[in-house]
Amino acid sequence: MTVINTAISVFLVISVLYFIKRGADLNRQRQILTEVGEELEETLAVLKETTTKKKSPVKGAEMFTEPHMLSTIITVLVKKHGQIRITAKDLMGLDNDDYVSVYVDIENQDLILALKNSASPESTIDDSLLFDLFSADTDDNTFH
C-alpha cells in the first residue's frame, strides 16, 4: 500500500510541476501576443498615415506614368481656354500624318503640346525633351 501511495504522490507532484510549467508558458505566450498586437497596431497606424499623405508632385517624364494624365491635360486645356467644341468636321479635317508631340521644358517642367515636330514659340526642341504620344508608325491602329 505504501508503494501505491508513494507512486500516487510522485504522480501528483509531477502533475503539479507540469501544470505550473504549463501556466508559465501560457503567461509568456500571452505576453508575446500582447507585444505583437501592439506592434501590429503601430504598423497599421503608420501604414494608414502613409497612405493618406498626398503624393509629392511629379516632374518631367514622370508625369507620363500617371494613369489620369490625358484627362488632366484635357481639363487644364478647357479650364485655360474655356469651352472647346470639337465637331465632326474637325475630326474629318485631320490628316493621317497629323499627331501631337509632347515637349517637357527641362528648365521649368512646363508641358508643351505641338502638332507634328513643330517647336512651340516659348521653347525649341533643342532645350526640351521630346515625347511622341503616338508611335512613329503612321498606322498604329489608334484612332486619332
N, C-alpha and C. Protein backbone atom coordinates (compact mmCIF):
# COMPACT_ATOMS: atom_id res chain seq x y z
N MET A 1 0.79 -1.17 0.00
CA MET A 1 0.00 0.00 0.00
C MET A 1 0.85 1.26 0.00
N THR A 2 1.93 1.21 0.71
CA THR A 2 2.81 2.37 0.70
C THR A 2 3.44 2.59 -0.65
N VAL A 3 3.64 1.55 -1.40
CA VAL A 3 4.19 1.71 -2.75
C VAL A 3 3.17 2.44 -3.62
N ILE A 4 1.93 2.09 -3.50
CA ILE A 4 0.88 2.73 -4.31
C ILE A 4 0.74 4.19 -3.86
N ASN A 5 0.77 4.45 -2.56
CA ASN A 5 0.66 5.83 -2.07
C ASN A 5 1.85 6.65 -2.54
N THR A 6 3.04 6.07 -2.52
CA THR A 6 4.23 6.77 -2.98
C THR A 6 4.13 7.06 -4.48
N ALA A 7 3.66 6.12 -5.26
CA ALA A 7 3.52 6.30 -6.70
C ALA A 7 2.50 7.40 -7.01
N ILE A 8 1.40 7.38 -6.28
CA ILE A 8 0.38 8.42 -6.50
C ILE A 8 0.93 9.79 -6.09
N SER A 9 1.66 9.84 -4.99
CA SER A 9 2.25 11.11 -4.54
C SER A 9 3.24 11.64 -5.57
N VAL A 10 4.09 10.76 -6.10
CA VAL A 10 5.05 11.18 -7.14
C VAL A 10 4.30 11.67 -8.37
N PHE A 11 3.25 10.94 -8.77
CA PHE A 11 2.45 11.34 -9.92
C PHE A 11 1.81 12.71 -9.69
N LEU A 12 1.30 12.94 -8.49
CA LEU A 12 0.68 14.24 -8.19
C LEU A 12 1.71 15.37 -8.20
N VAL A 13 2.90 15.10 -7.63
CA VAL A 13 3.95 16.13 -7.63
C VAL A 13 4.37 16.45 -9.06
N ILE A 14 4.56 15.43 -9.89
CA ILE A 14 4.95 15.64 -11.31
C ILE A 14 3.82 16.39 -12.04
N SER A 15 2.56 16.04 -11.77
CA SER A 15 1.43 16.71 -12.41
C SER A 15 1.37 18.18 -12.01
N VAL A 16 1.56 18.48 -10.74
CA VAL A 16 1.54 19.86 -10.27
C VAL A 16 2.67 20.65 -10.91
N LEU A 17 3.89 20.05 -10.96
CA LEU A 17 5.02 20.74 -11.60
C LEU A 17 4.75 20.98 -13.09
N TYR A 18 4.13 20.00 -13.76
CA TYR A 18 3.81 20.15 -15.17
C TYR A 18 2.81 21.31 -15.37
N PHE A 19 1.77 21.36 -14.53
CA PHE A 19 0.78 22.41 -14.67
C PHE A 19 1.35 23.79 -14.33
N ILE A 20 2.27 23.85 -13.39
CA ILE A 20 2.94 25.12 -13.08
C ILE A 20 3.77 25.58 -14.28
N LYS A 21 4.52 24.64 -14.89
CA LYS A 21 5.32 24.97 -16.08
C LYS A 21 4.40 25.38 -17.24
N ARG A 22 3.33 24.65 -17.40
CA ARG A 22 2.39 24.96 -18.49
C ARG A 22 1.76 26.33 -18.26
N GLY A 23 1.43 26.69 -17.05
CA GLY A 23 0.88 28.01 -16.74
C GLY A 23 1.88 29.11 -17.04
N ALA A 24 3.16 28.88 -16.71
CA ALA A 24 4.20 29.87 -17.01
C ALA A 24 4.34 30.04 -18.52
N ASP A 25 4.27 28.93 -19.28
CA ASP A 25 4.35 29.00 -20.73
C ASP A 25 3.17 29.79 -21.31
N LEU A 26 1.98 29.56 -20.79
CA LEU A 26 0.80 30.30 -21.26
C LEU A 26 0.92 31.79 -20.97
N ASN A 27 1.43 32.13 -19.79
CA ASN A 27 1.62 33.55 -19.46
C ASN A 27 2.63 34.20 -20.40
N ARG A 28 3.71 33.48 -20.72
CA ARG A 28 4.72 34.01 -21.65
C ARG A 28 4.11 34.19 -23.04
N GLN A 29 3.28 33.23 -23.48
CA GLN A 29 2.64 33.35 -24.79
C GLN A 29 1.66 34.53 -24.83
N ARG A 30 0.93 34.74 -23.74
CA ARG A 30 0.02 35.89 -23.68
C ARG A 30 0.80 37.20 -23.77
N GLN A 31 1.94 37.25 -23.08
CA GLN A 31 2.77 38.46 -23.12
C GLN A 31 3.29 38.71 -24.54
N ILE A 32 3.73 37.65 -25.19
CA ILE A 32 4.22 37.78 -26.57
C ILE A 32 3.09 38.24 -27.49
N LEU A 33 1.90 37.66 -27.35
CA LEU A 33 0.76 38.07 -28.18
C LEU A 33 0.39 39.53 -27.95
N THR A 34 0.47 39.98 -26.71
CA THR A 34 0.18 41.38 -26.42
C THR A 34 1.19 42.29 -27.11
N GLU A 35 2.48 41.93 -27.03
CA GLU A 35 3.52 42.73 -27.69
C GLU A 35 3.33 42.75 -29.20
N VAL A 36 3.03 41.59 -29.78
CA VAL A 36 2.81 41.52 -31.23
C VAL A 36 1.59 42.36 -31.61
N GLY A 37 0.53 42.31 -30.81
CA GLY A 37 -0.66 43.11 -31.09
C GLY A 37 -0.35 44.60 -31.07
N GLU A 38 0.45 45.04 -30.10
CA GLU A 38 0.82 46.46 -30.03
C GLU A 38 1.65 46.86 -31.24
N GLU A 39 2.60 46.01 -31.63
CA GLU A 39 3.42 46.32 -32.81
C GLU A 39 2.56 46.36 -34.06
N LEU A 40 1.60 45.45 -34.15
CA LEU A 40 0.71 45.43 -35.32
C LEU A 40 -0.12 46.71 -35.38
N GLU A 41 -0.63 47.16 -34.25
CA GLU A 41 -1.40 48.40 -34.22
C GLU A 41 -0.55 49.60 -34.63
N GLU A 42 0.69 49.64 -34.15
CA GLU A 42 1.60 50.73 -34.54
C GLU A 42 1.88 50.70 -36.04
N THR A 43 2.11 49.49 -36.56
CA THR A 43 2.38 49.35 -38.00
C THR A 43 1.18 49.78 -38.83
N LEU A 44 -0.01 49.38 -38.42
CA LEU A 44 -1.21 49.78 -39.15
C LEU A 44 -1.42 51.29 -39.10
N ALA A 45 -1.11 51.90 -37.96
CA ALA A 45 -1.24 53.36 -37.85
C ALA A 45 -0.27 54.06 -38.79
N VAL A 46 0.97 53.56 -38.87
CA VAL A 46 1.95 54.15 -39.78
C VAL A 46 1.52 53.93 -41.22
N LEU A 47 1.01 52.75 -41.53
CA LEU A 47 0.55 52.47 -42.89
C LEU A 47 -0.61 53.37 -43.27
N LYS A 48 -1.54 53.56 -42.36
CA LYS A 48 -2.68 54.43 -42.64
C LYS A 48 -2.22 55.87 -42.85
N GLU A 49 -1.29 56.33 -42.03
CA GLU A 49 -0.76 57.69 -42.16
C GLU A 49 -0.02 57.86 -43.48
N THR A 50 0.72 56.84 -43.88
CA THR A 50 1.49 56.91 -45.12
C THR A 50 0.58 56.93 -46.33
N THR A 51 -0.48 56.13 -46.30
CA THR A 51 -1.37 56.08 -47.46
C THR A 51 -2.25 57.32 -47.57
N THR A 52 -2.48 58.04 -46.45
CA THR A 52 -3.31 59.23 -46.54
C THR A 52 -2.52 60.47 -46.92
N LYS A 53 -1.19 60.40 -46.87
CA LYS A 53 -0.39 61.56 -47.26
C LYS A 53 -0.52 61.77 -48.75
N LYS A 54 -0.47 63.02 -49.16
CA LYS A 54 -0.53 63.32 -50.59
C LYS A 54 0.79 62.97 -51.23
N LYS A 55 0.69 62.54 -52.48
CA LYS A 55 1.91 62.26 -53.23
C LYS A 55 2.62 63.57 -53.53
N SER A 56 3.93 63.51 -53.58
CA SER A 56 4.67 64.70 -53.98
C SER A 56 4.46 64.93 -55.46
N PRO A 57 4.45 66.18 -55.89
CA PRO A 57 4.21 66.45 -57.31
C PRO A 57 5.27 65.80 -58.18
N VAL A 58 4.80 65.23 -59.29
CA VAL A 58 5.73 64.58 -60.21
C VAL A 58 6.26 65.61 -61.19
N LYS A 59 7.43 65.35 -61.69
CA LYS A 59 8.07 66.29 -62.61
C LYS A 59 8.45 65.59 -63.89
N GLY A 60 8.49 66.38 -64.96
CA GLY A 60 9.04 65.93 -66.24
C GLY A 60 8.43 64.65 -66.74
N ALA A 61 9.31 63.74 -67.13
CA ALA A 61 8.88 62.50 -67.76
C ALA A 61 8.09 61.61 -66.80
N GLU A 62 8.23 61.81 -65.50
CA GLU A 62 7.48 61.02 -64.53
C GLU A 62 5.98 61.26 -64.65
N MET A 63 5.59 62.43 -65.18
CA MET A 63 4.16 62.73 -65.33
C MET A 63 3.49 61.72 -66.24
N PHE A 64 4.21 61.17 -67.22
CA PHE A 64 3.60 60.29 -68.20
C PHE A 64 3.28 58.92 -67.62
N THR A 65 3.76 58.62 -66.43
CA THR A 65 3.43 57.35 -65.81
C THR A 65 2.15 57.43 -65.00
N GLU A 66 1.63 58.63 -64.81
CA GLU A 66 0.39 58.81 -64.05
C GLU A 66 -0.79 58.32 -64.90
N PRO A 67 -1.70 57.55 -64.31
CA PRO A 67 -2.79 56.95 -65.09
C PRO A 67 -3.82 57.95 -65.62
N HIS A 68 -3.97 59.10 -64.98
CA HIS A 68 -5.00 60.05 -65.40
C HIS A 68 -4.41 61.25 -66.15
N MET A 69 -3.28 61.07 -66.77
CA MET A 69 -2.58 62.18 -67.40
C MET A 69 -3.41 62.81 -68.53
N LEU A 70 -4.00 61.99 -69.40
CA LEU A 70 -4.76 62.53 -70.54
C LEU A 70 -5.96 63.34 -70.06
N SER A 71 -6.71 62.83 -69.12
CA SER A 71 -7.87 63.58 -68.64
C SER A 71 -7.43 64.86 -67.92
N THR A 72 -6.29 64.82 -67.26
CA THR A 72 -5.78 66.03 -66.60
C THR A 72 -5.40 67.08 -67.63
N ILE A 73 -4.75 66.67 -68.71
CA ILE A 73 -4.36 67.61 -69.77
C ILE A 73 -5.61 68.25 -70.38
N ILE A 74 -6.62 67.44 -70.66
CA ILE A 74 -7.84 67.97 -71.25
C ILE A 74 -8.52 68.94 -70.29
N THR A 75 -8.54 68.62 -69.02
CA THR A 75 -9.14 69.50 -68.01
C THR A 75 -8.41 70.83 -67.96
N VAL A 76 -7.09 70.80 -68.00
CA VAL A 76 -6.30 72.03 -67.98
C VAL A 76 -6.59 72.87 -69.22
N LEU A 77 -6.65 72.23 -70.38
CA LEU A 77 -6.93 72.97 -71.62
C LEU A 77 -8.30 73.65 -71.57
N VAL A 78 -9.31 72.93 -71.11
CA VAL A 78 -10.65 73.52 -71.05
C VAL A 78 -10.69 74.63 -70.02
N LYS A 79 -10.04 74.45 -68.89
CA LYS A 79 -10.03 75.49 -67.86
C LYS A 79 -9.29 76.74 -68.36
N LYS A 80 -8.21 76.54 -69.11
CA LYS A 80 -7.40 77.66 -69.58
C LYS A 80 -8.07 78.41 -70.72
N HIS A 81 -8.71 77.67 -71.63
CA HIS A 81 -9.25 78.30 -72.85
C HIS A 81 -10.77 78.34 -72.89
N GLY A 82 -11.44 77.86 -71.86
CA GLY A 82 -12.90 77.86 -71.87
C GLY A 82 -13.44 76.69 -72.65
N GLN A 83 -14.70 76.80 -73.03
CA GLN A 83 -15.36 75.71 -73.74
C GLN A 83 -14.66 75.45 -75.08
N ILE A 84 -14.42 74.20 -75.36
CA ILE A 84 -13.82 73.80 -76.63
C ILE A 84 -14.81 72.88 -77.33
N ARG A 85 -15.18 73.25 -78.54
CA ARG A 85 -16.14 72.44 -79.29
C ARG A 85 -15.39 71.73 -80.42
N ILE A 86 -15.49 70.42 -80.44
CA ILE A 86 -14.86 69.61 -81.49
C ILE A 86 -15.99 69.00 -82.31
N THR A 87 -16.03 69.39 -83.58
CA THR A 87 -17.10 68.92 -84.47
C THR A 87 -16.61 67.76 -85.31
N ALA A 88 -17.54 67.15 -85.99
CA ALA A 88 -17.19 66.07 -86.90
C ALA A 88 -16.30 66.59 -88.03
N LYS A 89 -16.54 67.84 -88.42
CA LYS A 89 -15.71 68.45 -89.46
C LYS A 89 -14.26 68.58 -88.98
N ASP A 90 -14.08 68.93 -87.70
CA ASP A 90 -12.72 68.99 -87.14
C ASP A 90 -12.04 67.63 -87.17
N LEU A 91 -12.79 66.61 -86.81
CA LEU A 91 -12.23 65.26 -86.81
C LEU A 91 -11.90 64.79 -88.22
N MET A 92 -12.78 65.11 -89.17
CA MET A 92 -12.55 64.70 -90.56
C MET A 92 -11.41 65.50 -91.19
N GLY A 93 -11.12 66.68 -90.64
CA GLY A 93 -10.07 67.52 -91.20
C GLY A 93 -8.66 67.07 -90.85
N LEU A 94 -8.53 66.09 -90.01
CA LEU A 94 -7.20 65.60 -89.65
C LEU A 94 -6.63 64.73 -90.75
N ASP A 95 -5.35 64.90 -91.03
CA ASP A 95 -4.67 64.03 -91.98
C ASP A 95 -4.16 62.80 -91.24
N ASN A 96 -3.83 61.76 -92.01
CA ASN A 96 -3.29 60.54 -91.40
C ASN A 96 -1.94 60.77 -90.74
N ASP A 97 -1.22 61.80 -91.20
CA ASP A 97 0.11 62.04 -90.63
C ASP A 97 0.10 63.10 -89.53
N ASP A 98 -1.09 63.55 -89.11
CA ASP A 98 -1.18 64.50 -88.00
C ASP A 98 -1.02 63.77 -86.68
N TYR A 99 -0.20 64.29 -85.81
CA TYR A 99 -0.04 63.75 -84.47
C TYR A 99 0.43 64.85 -83.55
N VAL A 100 0.32 64.61 -82.29
CA VAL A 100 0.70 65.58 -81.28
C VAL A 100 2.02 65.14 -80.65
N SER A 101 2.95 66.08 -80.58
CA SER A 101 4.19 65.83 -79.85
C SER A 101 4.10 66.54 -78.51
N VAL A 102 4.65 65.91 -77.51
CA VAL A 102 4.64 66.48 -76.17
C VAL A 102 6.07 66.81 -75.79
N TYR A 103 6.31 68.07 -75.47
CA TYR A 103 7.63 68.52 -75.05
C TYR A 103 7.57 68.85 -73.56
N VAL A 104 8.60 68.48 -72.86
CA VAL A 104 8.72 68.86 -71.46
C VAL A 104 9.91 69.79 -71.36
N ASP A 105 9.65 71.04 -71.00
CA ASP A 105 10.72 72.02 -70.84
C ASP A 105 11.52 71.66 -69.60
N ILE A 106 12.78 71.37 -69.77
CA ILE A 106 13.64 70.90 -68.68
C ILE A 106 13.80 71.96 -67.60
N GLU A 107 13.85 73.21 -67.99
CA GLU A 107 14.12 74.28 -67.03
C GLU A 107 12.96 74.51 -66.06
N ASN A 108 11.73 74.56 -66.57
CA ASN A 108 10.60 74.89 -65.69
C ASN A 108 9.53 73.81 -65.64
N GLN A 109 9.79 72.65 -66.22
CA GLN A 109 8.89 71.50 -66.21
C GLN A 109 7.54 71.77 -66.86
N ASP A 110 7.47 72.75 -67.77
CA ASP A 110 6.23 73.02 -68.49
C ASP A 110 5.98 71.91 -69.50
N LEU A 111 4.74 71.60 -69.72
CA LEU A 111 4.33 70.63 -70.71
C LEU A 111 3.90 71.39 -71.95
N ILE A 112 4.48 71.08 -73.10
CA ILE A 112 4.21 71.81 -74.34
C ILE A 112 3.66 70.82 -75.35
N LEU A 113 2.44 71.09 -75.86
CA LEU A 113 1.82 70.26 -76.88
C LEU A 113 1.96 70.96 -78.22
N ALA A 114 2.40 70.22 -79.24
CA ALA A 114 2.56 70.81 -80.57
C ALA A 114 2.20 69.77 -81.62
N LEU A 115 1.70 70.28 -82.77
CA LEU A 115 1.42 69.36 -83.87
C LEU A 115 2.71 68.94 -84.55
N LYS A 116 2.79 67.68 -84.86
CA LYS A 116 3.95 67.07 -85.54
C LYS A 116 5.22 67.38 -84.78
N ASN A 117 6.29 67.80 -85.45
CA ASN A 117 7.55 68.09 -84.78
C ASN A 117 7.81 69.57 -84.63
N SER A 118 6.75 70.39 -84.72
CA SER A 118 6.95 71.83 -84.63
C SER A 118 7.29 72.21 -83.20
N ALA A 119 8.15 73.19 -83.08
CA ALA A 119 8.53 73.67 -81.73
C ALA A 119 7.55 74.75 -81.30
N SER A 120 7.33 74.86 -80.02
CA SER A 120 6.43 75.90 -79.54
C SER A 120 7.18 77.23 -79.55
N PRO A 121 6.48 78.36 -79.54
CA PRO A 121 7.15 79.67 -79.56
C PRO A 121 8.02 79.90 -78.33
N GLU A 122 7.64 79.31 -77.17
CA GLU A 122 8.40 79.56 -75.95
C GLU A 122 9.65 78.69 -75.84
N SER A 123 9.73 77.64 -76.63
CA SER A 123 10.81 76.69 -76.44
C SER A 123 11.16 76.05 -77.78
N THR A 124 12.32 75.51 -77.86
CA THR A 124 12.72 74.77 -79.06
C THR A 124 12.98 73.33 -78.67
N ILE A 125 13.06 72.48 -79.67
CA ILE A 125 13.29 71.06 -79.41
C ILE A 125 14.65 70.85 -78.77
N ASP A 126 15.62 71.70 -79.08
CA ASP A 126 16.97 71.51 -78.55
C ASP A 126 17.03 71.62 -77.04
N ASP A 127 16.22 72.49 -76.44
CA ASP A 127 16.31 72.64 -74.99
C ASP A 127 15.12 71.99 -74.27
N SER A 128 14.44 71.07 -74.94
CA SER A 128 13.33 70.35 -74.35
C SER A 128 13.48 68.86 -74.65
N LEU A 129 12.78 68.07 -73.86
CA LEU A 129 12.71 66.64 -74.13
C LEU A 129 11.49 66.39 -75.01
N LEU A 130 11.63 65.52 -75.99
CA LEU A 130 10.54 65.24 -76.91
C LEU A 130 9.93 63.89 -76.58
N PHE A 131 8.61 63.88 -76.45
CA PHE A 131 7.89 62.64 -76.23
C PHE A 131 6.76 62.61 -77.24
N ASP A 132 6.71 61.60 -78.11
CA ASP A 132 5.59 61.45 -79.02
C ASP A 132 4.49 60.67 -78.32
N LEU A 133 3.28 61.18 -78.41
CA LEU A 133 2.17 60.45 -77.81
C LEU A 133 1.87 59.17 -78.59
N PHE A 134 2.13 59.22 -79.89
CA PHE A 134 1.88 58.06 -80.72
C PHE A 134 3.19 57.62 -81.34
N SER A 135 3.25 56.36 -81.75
CA SER A 135 4.49 55.86 -82.32
C SER A 135 4.76 56.49 -83.67
N ALA A 136 5.98 56.34 -84.15
CA ALA A 136 6.37 56.93 -85.43
C ALA A 136 5.67 56.22 -86.59
N ASP A 137 5.20 55.01 -86.38
CA ASP A 137 4.48 54.26 -87.40
C ASP A 137 3.19 55.01 -87.73
N THR A 138 2.96 55.26 -89.02
CA THR A 138 1.78 56.03 -89.40
C THR A 138 0.50 55.25 -89.20
N ASP A 139 0.56 53.91 -89.21
CA ASP A 139 -0.62 53.10 -88.98
C ASP A 139 -0.43 52.30 -87.69
N ASP A 140 -0.72 52.95 -86.58
CA ASP A 140 -0.54 52.27 -85.30
C ASP A 140 -1.86 51.77 -84.74
N ASN A 141 -2.90 51.69 -85.61
CA ASN A 141 -4.21 51.20 -85.25
C ASN A 141 -4.83 52.00 -84.10
N THR A 142 -4.47 53.26 -83.97
CA THR A 142 -5.02 54.14 -82.95
C THR A 142 -5.89 55.17 -83.63
N PHE A 143 -7.11 55.35 -83.13
CA PHE A 143 -7.98 56.37 -83.71
C PHE A 143 -7.54 57.73 -83.21
N HIS A 144 -7.15 58.58 -84.12
CA HIS A 144 -6.78 59.95 -83.75
C HIS A 144 -6.98 60.87 -84.91
